[in-house]
């Protein structure tokens, strides 16, 4: 049984030069890193106005990140794993327990 969820892969040229997949993968990595940095900036904002500006940019970045991810998925350059509900339930219970332990 194949547990992978994916679209047909769009083939790209191989070799030393960059191709579309390389460029878009680099873009996705940059957007992820920028999102992380904006979360830190929001947490450290010195006033509400600055916080709101950082938040505004953060929301744009996460939206772009999602669009890039969806494009990669449509091109078959990103795939997901289909897991059964038991694994999801186990992971949920584990995270719930860790959360309770943190709040104890």
PDB file of N, CA and C in Angstrom:
ATOM      1  N   UNK A   1       0.829  -1.181   0.000  1.00  0.00           N
ATOM      2  CA  UNK A   1       0.000   0.000   0.000  1.00  0.00           C
ATOM      3  C   UNK A   1       0.878   1.250   0.000  1.00  0.00           C
ATOM      4  N   UNK A   2       0.609   2.162  -0.900  1.00  0.00           N
ATOM      5  CA  UNK A   2       1.382   3.389  -1.008  1.00  0.00           C
ATOM      6  C   UNK A   2       0.738   4.466  -0.142  1.00  0.00           C
ATOM      7  N   UNK A   3       1.452   4.955   0.842  1.00  0.00           N
ATOM      8  CA  UNK A   3       0.933   5.969   1.755  1.00  0.00           C
ATOM      9  C   UNK A   3       1.278   7.382   1.326  1.00  0.00           C
ATOM     10  N   UNK A   4       1.851   7.532   0.141  1.00  0.00           N
ATOM     11  CA  UNK A   4       2.286   8.846  -0.291  1.00  0.00           C
ATOM     12  C   UNK A   4       1.155   9.576  -1.020  1.00  0.00           C
ATOM     13  N   UNK A   5       1.013  10.845  -0.702  1.00  0.00           N
ATOM     14  CA  UNK A   5       0.049  11.709  -1.376  1.00  0.00           C
ATOM     15  C   UNK A   5       0.863  12.683  -2.203  1.00  0.00           C
ATOM     16  N   UNK A   6       0.731  12.605  -3.524  1.00  0.00           N
ATOM     17  CA  UNK A   6       1.549  13.446  -4.387  1.00  0.00           C
ATOM     18  C   UNK A   6       0.893  13.611  -5.742  1.00  0.00           C
ATOM     19  N   UNK A   7       1.313  14.634  -6.437  1.00  0.00           N
ATOM     20  CA  UNK A   7       0.906  14.865  -7.815  1.00  0.00           C
ATOM     21  C   UNK A   7       1.981  14.313  -8.735  1.00  0.00           C
ATOM     22  N   UNK A   8       1.675  14.153 -10.032  1.00  0.00           N
ATOM     23  CA  UNK A   8       2.725  13.720 -10.960  1.00  0.00           C
ATOM     24  C   UNK A   8       3.875  14.723 -10.942  1.00  0.00           C
ATOM     25  N   UNK A   9       5.075  14.213 -10.898  1.00  0.00           N
ATOM     26  CA  UNK A   9       6.252  15.067 -10.785  1.00  0.00           C
ATOM     27  C   UNK A   9       6.570  15.715 -12.131  1.00  0.00           C
ATOM     28  N   UNK A  10       6.760  17.027 -12.127  1.00  0.00           N
ATOM     29  CA  UNK A  10       7.192  17.750 -13.312  1.00  0.00           C
ATOM     30  C   UNK A  10       8.711  17.632 -13.361  1.00  0.00           C
ATOM     31  N   UNK A  11       9.202  17.031 -14.412  1.00  0.00           N
ATOM     32  CA  UNK A  11      10.645  16.837 -14.537  1.00  0.00           C
ATOM     33  C   UNK A  11      11.333  18.155 -14.866  1.00  0.00           C
ATOM     34  N   UNK A  12      12.516  18.343 -14.298  1.00  0.00           N
ATOM     35  CA  UNK A  12      13.319  19.535 -14.541  1.00  0.00           C
ATOM     36  C   UNK A  12      14.707  19.099 -14.986  1.00  0.00           C
ATOM     37  N   UNK A  13      15.422  19.968 -15.694  1.00  0.00           N
ATOM     38  CA  UNK A  13      16.772  19.607 -16.126  1.00  0.00           C
ATOM     39  C   UNK A  13      17.681  19.336 -14.924  1.00  0.00           C
ATOM     40  N   UNK A  14      18.569  18.407 -15.084  1.00  0.00           N
ATOM     41  CA  UNK A  14      19.546  18.121 -14.029  1.00  0.00           C
ATOM     42  C   UNK A  14      20.894  18.672 -14.454  1.00  0.00           C
ATOM     43  N   UNK A  15      21.800  18.734 -13.545  1.00  0.00           N
ATOM     44  CA  UNK A  15      23.127  19.237 -13.857  1.00  0.00           C
ATOM     45  C   UNK A  15      23.525  20.324 -12.890  1.00  0.00           C
ATOM     46  N   UNK A  16      24.561  21.038 -13.245  1.00  0.00           N
ATOM     47  CA  UNK A  16      25.145  22.020 -12.341  1.00  0.00           C
ATOM     48  C   UNK A  16      24.347  23.321 -12.269  1.00  0.00           C
ATOM     49  N   UNK A  17      23.614  23.656 -13.322  1.00  0.00           N
ATOM     50  CA  UNK A  17      22.859  24.913 -13.297  1.00  0.00           C
ATOM     51  C   UNK A  17      21.537  24.737 -12.558  1.00  0.00           C
ATOM     52  N   UNK A  18      21.017  25.834 -12.022  1.00  0.00           N
ATOM     53  CA  UNK A  18      19.758  25.806 -11.285  1.00  0.00           C
ATOM     54  C   UNK A  18      18.580  25.650 -12.245  1.00  0.00           C
ATOM     55  N   UNK A  19      17.543  24.993 -11.761  1.00  0.00           N
ATOM     56  CA  UNK A  19      16.321  24.831 -12.542  1.00  0.00           C
ATOM     57  C   UNK A  19      15.152  25.411 -11.740  1.00  0.00           C
ATOM     58  N   UNK A  20      13.955  25.335 -12.302  1.00  0.00           N
ATOM     59  CA  UNK A  20      12.779  25.910 -11.638  1.00  0.00           C
ATOM     60  C   UNK A  20      12.580  25.348 -10.236  1.00  0.00           C
ATOM     61  N   UNK A  21      12.761  24.049 -10.089  1.00  0.00           N
ATOM     62  CA  UNK A  21      12.574  23.417  -8.777  1.00  0.00           C
ATOM     63  C   UNK A  21      13.588  23.968  -7.771  1.00  0.00           C
ATOM     64  N   UNK A  22      14.821  24.146  -8.187  1.00  0.00           N
ATOM     65  CA  UNK A  22      15.854  24.693  -7.303  1.00  0.00           C
ATOM     66  C   UNK A  22      15.497  26.102  -6.840  1.00  0.00           C
ATOM     67  N   UNK A  23      15.068  26.927  -7.794  1.00  0.00           N
ATOM     68  CA  UNK A  23      14.725  28.309  -7.454  1.00  0.00           C
ATOM     69  C   UNK A  23      13.544  28.376  -6.491  1.00  0.00           C
ATOM     70  N   UNK A  24      12.510  27.610  -6.772  1.00  0.00           N
ATOM     71  CA  UNK A  24      11.315  27.687  -5.928  1.00  0.00           C
ATOM     72  C   UNK A  24      11.569  27.046  -4.562  1.00  0.00           C
ATOM     73  N   UNK A  25      12.405  26.022  -4.506  1.00  0.00           N
ATOM     74  CA  UNK A  25      12.766  25.430  -3.221  1.00  0.00           C
ATOM     75  C   UNK A  25      13.558  26.430  -2.383  1.00  0.00           C
ATOM     76  N   UNK A  26      14.445  27.174  -3.024  1.00  0.00           N
ATOM     77  CA  UNK A  26      15.206  28.212  -2.328  1.00  0.00           C
ATOM     78  C   UNK A  26      14.273  29.308  -1.823  1.00  0.00           C
ATOM     79  N   UNK A  27      13.303  29.688  -2.648  1.00  0.00           N
ATOM     80  CA  UNK A  27      12.327  30.697  -2.243  1.00  0.00           C
ATOM     81  C   UNK A  27      11.531  30.226  -1.028  1.00  0.00           C
ATOM     82  N   UNK A  28      11.087  28.972  -1.038  1.00  0.00           N
ATOM     83  CA  UNK A  28      10.329  28.440   0.096  1.00  0.00           C
ATOM     84  C   UNK A  28      11.180  28.456   1.369  1.00  0.00           C
ATOM     85  N   UNK A  29      12.427  28.061   1.260  1.00  0.00           N
ATOM     86  CA  UNK A  29      13.324  28.085   2.425  1.00  0.00           C
ATOM     87  C   UNK A  29      13.500  29.494   2.969  1.00  0.00           C
ATOM     88  N   UNK A  30      13.665  30.462   2.073  1.00  0.00           N
ATOM     89  CA  UNK A  30      13.813  31.864   2.506  1.00  0.00           C
ATOM     90  C   UNK A  30      12.552  32.362   3.203  1.00  0.00           C
ATOM     91  N   UNK A  31      11.392  32.049   2.647  1.00  0.00           N
ATOM     92  CA  UNK A  31      10.137  32.482   3.256  1.00  0.00           C
ATOM     93  C   UNK A  31       9.942  31.866   4.633  1.00  0.00           C
ATOM     94  N   UNK A  32      10.307  30.598   4.786  1.00  0.00           N
ATOM     95  CA  UNK A  32      10.207  29.942   6.099  1.00  0.00           C
ATOM     96  C   UNK A  32      11.117  30.635   7.116  1.00  0.00           C
ATOM     97  N   UNK A  33      12.336  30.920   6.704  1.00  0.00           N
ATOM     98  CA  UNK A  33      13.294  31.563   7.612  1.00  0.00           C
ATOM     99  C   UNK A  33      12.836  32.977   7.968  1.00  0.00           C
ATOM    100  N   UNK A  34      12.334  33.710   6.994  1.00  0.00           N
ATOM    101  CA  UNK A  34      11.838  35.057   7.257  1.00  0.00           C
ATOM    102  C   UNK A  34      10.656  35.019   8.217  1.00  0.00           C
ATOM    103  N   UNK A  35       9.773  34.037   8.060  1.00  0.00           N
ATOM    104  CA  UNK A  35       8.625  33.902   8.965  1.00  0.00           C
ATOM    105  C   UNK A  35       9.090  33.692  10.395  1.00  0.00           C
ATOM    106  N   UNK A  36      10.082  32.818  10.580  1.00  0.00           N
ATOM    107  CA  UNK A  36      10.622  32.577  11.921  1.00  0.00           C
ATOM    108  C   UNK A  36      11.186  33.874  12.517  1.00  0.00           C
ATOM    109  N   UNK A  37      11.902  34.626  11.697  1.00  0.00           N
ATOM    110  CA  UNK A  37      12.504  35.866  12.176  1.00  0.00           C
ATOM    111  C   UNK A  37      11.445  36.901  12.550  1.00  0.00           C
ATOM    112  N   UNK A  38      10.365  36.950  11.795  1.00  0.00           N
ATOM    113  CA  UNK A  38       9.305  37.902  12.132  1.00  0.00           C
ATOM    114  C   UNK A  38       8.587  37.506  13.422  1.00  0.00           C
ATOM    115  N   UNK A  39       8.477  36.229  13.697  1.00  0.00           N
ATOM    116  CA  UNK A  39       7.890  35.805  14.976  1.00  0.00           C
ATOM    117  C   UNK A  39       8.761  36.318  16.122  1.00  0.00           C
ATOM    118  N   UNK A  40      10.070  36.188  15.976  1.00  0.00           N
ATOM    119  CA  UNK A  40      10.967  36.699  17.016  1.00  0.00           C
ATOM    120  C   UNK A  40      10.836  38.209  17.142  1.00  0.00           C
ATOM    121  N   UNK A  41      10.751  38.896  16.014  1.00  0.00           N
ATOM    122  CA  UNK A  41      10.615  40.358  16.045  1.00  0.00           C
ATOM    123  C   UNK A  41       9.314  40.766  16.728  1.00  0.00           C
ATOM    124  N   UNK A  42       8.227  40.056  16.442  1.00  0.00           N
ATOM    125  CA  UNK A  42       6.952  40.373  17.104  1.00  0.00           C
ATOM    126  C   UNK A  42       7.067  40.186  18.608  1.00  0.00           C
ATOM    127  N   UNK A  43       7.704  39.109  19.023  1.00  0.00           N
ATOM    128  CA  UNK A  43       7.857  38.838  20.452  1.00  0.00           C
ATOM    129  C   UNK A  43       8.691  39.896  21.161  1.00  0.00           C
ATOM    130  N   UNK A  44       9.580  40.540  20.420  1.00  0.00           N
ATOM    131  CA  UNK A  44      10.487  41.508  21.027  1.00  0.00           C
ATOM    132  C   UNK A  44      10.134  42.951  20.689  1.00  0.00           C
ATOM    133  N   UNK A  45       8.991  43.164  20.032  1.00  0.00           N
ATOM    134  CA  UNK A  45       8.593  44.522  19.643  1.00  0.00           C
ATOM    135  C   UNK A  45       8.455  45.412  20.876  1.00  0.00           C
ATOM    136  N   UNK A  46       8.950  46.610  20.764  1.00  0.00           N
ATOM    137  CA  UNK A  46       8.972  47.516  21.915  1.00  0.00           C
ATOM    138  C   UNK A  46       7.659  48.256  22.148  1.00  0.00           C
ATOM    139  N   UNK A  47       6.768  48.252  21.142  1.00  0.00           N
ATOM    140  CA  UNK A  47       5.469  48.902  21.341  1.00  0.00           C
ATOM    141  C   UNK A  47       4.419  48.263  20.422  1.00  0.00           C
ATOM    142  N   UNK A  48       3.181  48.591  20.677  1.00  0.00           N
ATOM    143  CA  UNK A  48       2.070  47.960  19.957  1.00  0.00           C
ATOM    144  C   UNK A  48       2.081  48.286  18.467  1.00  0.00           C
ATOM    145  N   UNK A  49       2.427  49.498  18.114  1.00  0.00           N
ATOM    146  CA  UNK A  49       2.458  49.912  16.709  1.00  0.00           C
ATOM    147  C   UNK A  49       3.481  49.086  15.920  1.00  0.00           C
ATOM    148  N   UNK A  50       4.646  48.924  16.499  1.00  0.00           N
ATOM    149  CA  UNK A  50       5.692  48.125  15.859  1.00  0.00           C
ATOM    150  C   UNK A  50       5.270  46.667  15.759  1.00  0.00           C
ATOM    151  N   UNK A  51       4.681  46.163  16.836  1.00  0.00           N
ATOM    152  CA  UNK A  51       4.179  44.788  16.835  1.00  0.00           C
ATOM    153  C   UNK A  51       3.179  44.577  15.697  1.00  0.00           C
ATOM    154  N   UNK A  52       2.231  45.490  15.533  1.00  0.00           N
ATOM    155  CA  UNK A  52       1.208  45.357  14.499  1.00  0.00           C
ATOM    156  C   UNK A  52       1.814  45.385  13.096  1.00  0.00           C
ATOM    157  N   UNK A  53       2.839  46.200  12.895  1.00  0.00           N
ATOM    158  CA  UNK A  53       3.509  46.261  11.590  1.00  0.00           C
ATOM    159  C   UNK A  53       4.218  44.939  11.294  1.00  0.00           C
ATOM    160  N   UNK A  54       4.936  44.429  12.286  1.00  0.00           N
ATOM    161  CA  UNK A  54       5.594  43.128  12.122  1.00  0.00           C
ATOM    162  C   UNK A  54       4.561  42.039  11.830  1.00  0.00           C
ATOM    163  N   UNK A  55       3.449  42.085  12.538  1.00  0.00           N
ATOM    164  CA  UNK A  55       2.397  41.087  12.350  1.00  0.00           C
ATOM    165  C   UNK A  55       1.818  41.148  10.933  1.00  0.00           C
ATOM    166  N   UNK A  56       1.635  42.349  10.441  1.00  0.00           N
ATOM    167  CA  UNK A  56       1.111  42.542   9.088  1.00  0.00           C
ATOM    168  C   UNK A  56       2.048  41.895   8.051  1.00  0.00           C
ATOM    169  N   UNK A  57       3.336  42.146   8.187  1.00  0.00           N
ATOM    170  CA  UNK A  57       4.320  41.572   7.260  1.00  0.00           C
ATOM    171  C   UNK A  57       4.373  40.052   7.433  1.00  0.00           C
ATOM    172  N   UNK A  58       4.326  39.593   8.680  1.00  0.00           N
ATOM    173  CA  UNK A  58       4.344  38.157   8.957  1.00  0.00           C
ATOM    174  C   UNK A  58       3.191  37.442   8.255  1.00  0.00           C
ATOM    175  N   UNK A  59       1.998  38.015   8.307  1.00  0.00           N
ATOM    176  CA  UNK A  59       0.837  37.393   7.670  1.00  0.00           C
ATOM    177  C   UNK A  59       0.998  37.331   6.149  1.00  0.00           C
ATOM    178  N   UNK A  60       1.596  38.352   5.565  1.00  0.00           N
ATOM    179  CA  UNK A  60       1.872  38.331   4.125  1.00  0.00           C
ATOM    180  C   UNK A  60       2.888  37.231   3.805  1.00  0.00           C
ATOM    181  N   UNK A  61       3.939  37.137   4.615  1.00  0.00           N
ATOM    182  CA  UNK A  61       4.967  36.109   4.399  1.00  0.00           C
ATOM    183  C   UNK A  61       4.391  34.698   4.487  1.00  0.00           C
ATOM    184  N   UNK A  62       3.564  34.458   5.491  1.00  0.00           N
ATOM    185  CA  UNK A  62       3.010  33.108   5.638  1.00  0.00           C
ATOM    186  C   UNK A  62       2.047  32.780   4.505  1.00  0.00           C
ATOM    187  N   UNK A  63       1.357  33.780   3.997  1.00  0.00           N
ATOM    188  CA  UNK A  63       0.476  33.566   2.853  1.00  0.00           C
ATOM    189  C   UNK A  63       1.299  33.219   1.606  1.00  0.00           C
ATOM    190  N   UNK A  64       2.383  33.947   1.390  1.00  0.00           N
ATOM    191  CA  UNK A  64       3.267  33.644   0.257  1.00  0.00           C
ATOM    192  C   UNK A  64       3.898  32.260   0.396  1.00  0.00           C
ATOM    193  N   UNK A  65       4.283  31.936   1.617  1.00  0.00           N
ATOM    194  CA  UNK A  65       4.879  30.626   1.878  1.00  0.00           C
ATOM    195  C   UNK A  65       3.901  29.519   1.502  1.00  0.00           C
ATOM    196  N   UNK A  66       2.650  29.695   1.868  1.00  0.00           N
ATOM    197  CA  UNK A  66       1.625  28.698   1.543  1.00  0.00           C
ATOM    198  C   UNK A  66       1.426  28.584   0.034  1.00  0.00           C
ATOM    199  N   UNK A  67       1.403  29.714  -0.658  1.00  0.00           N
ATOM    200  CA  UNK A  67       1.249  29.697  -2.112  1.00  0.00           C
ATOM    201  C   UNK A  67       2.406  28.959  -2.789  1.00  0.00           C
ATOM    202  N   UNK A  68       3.615  29.202  -2.319  1.00  0.00           N
ATOM    203  CA  UNK A  68       4.788  28.534  -2.891  1.00  0.00           C
ATOM    204  C   UNK A  68       4.719  27.032  -2.617  1.00  0.00           C
ATOM    205  N   UNK A  69       4.366  26.667  -1.389  1.00  0.00           N
ATOM    206  CA  UNK A  69       4.224  25.243  -1.055  1.00  0.00           C
ATOM    207  C   UNK A  69       3.185  24.582  -1.963  1.00  0.00           C
ATOM    208  N   UNK A  70       2.018  25.229  -2.146  1.00  0.00           N
ATOM    209  CA  UNK A  70       0.962  24.655  -2.981  1.00  0.00           C
ATOM    210  C   UNK A  70       1.411  24.498  -4.429  1.00  0.00           C
ATOM    211  N   UNK A  71       2.182  25.457  -4.931  1.00  0.00           N
ATOM    212  CA  UNK A  71       2.725  25.348  -6.289  1.00  0.00           C
ATOM    213  C   UNK A  71       3.663  24.150  -6.384  1.00  0.00           C
ATOM    214  N   UNK A  72       4.537  24.000  -5.395  1.00  0.00           N
ATOM    215  CA  UNK A  72       5.463  22.858  -5.398  1.00  0.00           C
ATOM    216  C   UNK A  72       4.698  21.542  -5.327  1.00  0.00           C
ATOM    217  N   UNK A  73       3.643  21.503  -4.531  1.00  0.00           N
ATOM    218  CA  UNK A  73       2.838  20.283  -4.418  1.00  0.00           C
ATOM    219  C   UNK A  73       2.165  19.963  -5.755  1.00  0.00           C
ATOM    220  N   UNK A  74       1.597  20.983  -6.406  1.00  0.00           N
ATOM    221  CA  UNK A  74       0.949  20.769  -7.708  1.00  0.00           C
ATOM    222  C   UNK A  74       1.937  20.260  -8.751  1.00  0.00           C
ATOM    223  N   UNK A  75       3.183  20.722  -8.678  1.00  0.00           N
ATOM    224  CA  UNK A  75       4.216  20.298  -9.632  1.00  0.00           C
ATOM    225  C   UNK A  75       4.786  18.923  -9.290  1.00  0.00           C
ATOM    226  N   UNK A  76       4.381  18.362  -8.145  1.00  0.00           N
ATOM    227  CA  UNK A  76       4.898  17.056  -7.741  1.00  0.00           C
ATOM    228  C   UNK A  76       6.258  17.118  -7.081  1.00  0.00           C
ATOM    229  N   UNK A  77       6.685  18.308  -6.662  1.00  0.00           N
ATOM    230  CA  UNK A  77       7.985  18.484  -6.028  1.00  0.00           C
ATOM    231  C   UNK A  77       7.904  18.408  -4.521  1.00  0.00           C
ATOM    232  N   UNK A  78       6.735  18.238  -3.999  1.00  0.00           N
ATOM    233  CA  UNK A  78       6.507  18.110  -2.556  1.00  0.00           C
ATOM    234  C   UNK A  78       5.449  17.034  -2.387  1.00  0.00           C
ATOM    235  N   UNK A  79       5.681  16.070  -1.539  1.00  0.00           N
ATOM    236  CA  UNK A  79       4.688  15.024  -1.311  1.00  0.00           C
ATOM    237  C   UNK A  79       4.439  14.874   0.187  1.00  0.00           C
ATOM    238  N   UNK A  80       3.319  14.289   0.499  1.00  0.00           N
ATOM    239  CA  UNK A  80       2.907  14.077   1.884  1.00  0.00           C
ATOM    240  C   UNK A  80       2.746  12.591   2.138  1.00  0.00           C
ATOM    241  N   UNK A  81       2.721  12.216   3.389  1.00  0.00           N
ATOM    242  CA  UNK A  81       2.497  10.814   3.757  1.00  0.00           C
ATOM    243  C   UNK A  81       1.102  10.680   4.345  1.00  0.00           C
ATOM    244  N   UNK A  82       0.363   9.715   3.856  1.00  0.00           N
ATOM    245  CA  UNK A  82      -0.968   9.423   4.384  1.00  0.00           C
ATOM    246  C   UNK A  82      -0.802   8.503   5.595  1.00  0.00           C
ATOM    247  N   UNK A  83      -1.252   8.950   6.757  1.00  0.00           N
ATOM    248  CA  UNK A  83      -1.133   8.134   7.966  1.00  0.00           C
ATOM    249  C   UNK A  83      -2.524   7.755   8.468  1.00  0.00           C
ATOM    250  N   UNK A  84      -2.570   6.654   9.175  1.00  0.00           N
ATOM    251  CA  UNK A  84      -3.871   6.206   9.687  1.00  0.00           C
ATOM    252  C   UNK A  84      -4.250   7.001  10.934  1.00  0.00           C
ATOM    253  N   UNK A  85      -5.514   6.955  11.263  1.00  0.00           N
ATOM    254  CA  UNK A  85      -6.045   7.738  12.381  1.00  0.00           C
ATOM    255  C   UNK A  85      -5.432   7.329  13.716  1.00  0.00           C
ATOM    256  N   UNK A  86      -4.996   6.081  13.846  1.00  0.00           N
ATOM    257  CA  UNK A  86      -4.387   5.631  15.099  1.00  0.00           C
ATOM    258  C   UNK A  86      -3.087   6.394  15.363  1.00  0.00           C
ATOM    259  N   UNK A  87      -2.258   6.580  14.329  1.00  0.00           N
ATOM    260  CA  UNK A  87      -1.010   7.326  14.503  1.00  0.00           C
ATOM    261  C   UNK A  87      -1.291   8.785  14.864  1.00  0.00           C
ATOM    262  N   UNK A  88      -2.298   9.356  14.242  1.00  0.00           N
ATOM    263  CA  UNK A  88      -2.662  10.738  14.543  1.00  0.00           C
ATOM    264  C   UNK A  88      -3.138  10.855  15.984  1.00  0.00           C
ATOM    265  N   UNK A  89      -3.955   9.909  16.410  1.00  0.00           N
ATOM    266  CA  UNK A  89      -4.466   9.903  17.776  1.00  0.00           C
ATOM    267  C   UNK A  89      -3.325   9.751  18.786  1.00  0.00           C
ATOM    268  N   UNK A  90      -2.371   8.858  18.502  1.00  0.00           N
ATOM    269  CA  UNK A  90      -1.235   8.664  19.395  1.00  0.00           C
ATOM    270  C   UNK A  90      -0.407   9.941  19.520  1.00  0.00           C
ATOM    271  N   UNK A  91      -0.160  10.593  18.390  1.00  0.00           N
ATOM    272  CA  UNK A  91       0.624  11.828  18.400  1.00  0.00           C
ATOM    273  C   UNK A  91      -0.115  12.916  19.172  1.00  0.00           C
ATOM    274  N   UNK A  92      -1.422  13.002  18.975  1.00  0.00           N
ATOM    275  CA  UNK A  92      -2.244  13.987  19.684  1.00  0.00           C
ATOM    276  C   UNK A  92      -2.182  13.756  21.185  1.00  0.00           C
ATOM    277  N   UNK A  93      -2.292  12.510  21.615  1.00  0.00           N
ATOM    278  CA  UNK A  93      -2.223  12.184  23.043  1.00  0.00           C
ATOM    279  C   UNK A  93      -0.861  12.542  23.620  1.00  0.00           C
ATOM    280  N   UNK A  94       0.197  12.247  22.873  1.00  0.00           N
ATOM    281  CA  UNK A  94       1.548  12.554  23.331  1.00  0.00           C
ATOM    282  C   UNK A  94       1.722  14.065  23.505  1.00  0.00           C
ATOM    283  N   UNK A  95       1.274  14.846  22.513  1.00  0.00           N
ATOM    284  CA  UNK A  95       1.405  16.301  22.603  1.00  0.00           C
ATOM    285  C   UNK A  95       0.537  16.873  23.720  1.00  0.00           C
ATOM    286  N   UNK A  96      -0.651  16.319  23.912  1.00  0.00           N
ATOM    287  CA  UNK A  96      -1.520  16.755  25.011  1.00  0.00           C
ATOM    288  C   UNK A  96      -0.864  16.506  26.349  1.00  0.00           C
ATOM    289  N   UNK A  97      -0.231  15.346  26.495  1.00  0.00           N
ATOM    290  CA  UNK A  97       0.458  15.028  27.750  1.00  0.00           C
ATOM    291  C   UNK A  97       1.629  15.983  27.985  1.00  0.00           C
ATOM    292  N   UNK A  98       2.400  16.253  26.940  1.00  0.00           N
ATOM    293  CA  UNK A  98       3.528  17.184  27.077  1.00  0.00           C
ATOM    294  C   UNK A  98       3.017  18.575  27.471  1.00  0.00           C
ATOM    295  N   UNK A  99       1.913  19.005  26.872  1.00  0.00           N
ATOM    296  CA  UNK A  99       1.327  20.295  27.205  1.00  0.00           C
ATOM    297  C   UNK A  99       0.881  20.338  28.674  1.00  0.00           C
ATOM    298  N   UNK A 100       0.238  19.266  29.127  1.00  0.00           N
ATOM    299  CA  UNK A 100      -0.184  19.200  30.524  1.00  0.00           C
ATOM    300  C   UNK A 100       1.006  19.219  31.458  1.00  0.00           C
ATOM    301  N   UNK A 101       2.075  18.505  31.086  1.00  0.00           N
ATOM    302  CA  UNK A 101       3.286  18.500  31.909  1.00  0.00           C
ATOM    303  C   UNK A 101       3.918  19.892  32.023  1.00  0.00           C
ATOM    304  N   UNK A 102       3.852  20.651  30.933  1.00  0.00           N
ATOM    305  CA  UNK A 102       4.397  22.006  30.953  1.00  0.00           C
ATOM    306  C   UNK A 102       3.604  22.921  31.859  1.00  0.00           C
ATOM    307  N   UNK A 103       2.309  22.674  31.953  1.00  0.00           N
ATOM    308  CA  UNK A 103       1.432  23.534  32.746  1.00  0.00           C
ATOM    309  C   UNK A 103       1.253  23.035  34.186  1.00  0.00           C
ATOM    310  N   UNK A 104       1.947  21.979  34.537  1.00  0.00           N
ATOM    311  CA  UNK A 104       1.802  21.414  35.893  1.00  0.00           C
ATOM    312  C   UNK A 104       2.600  22.209  36.902  1.00  0.00           C
TER     313      UNK A 104
END
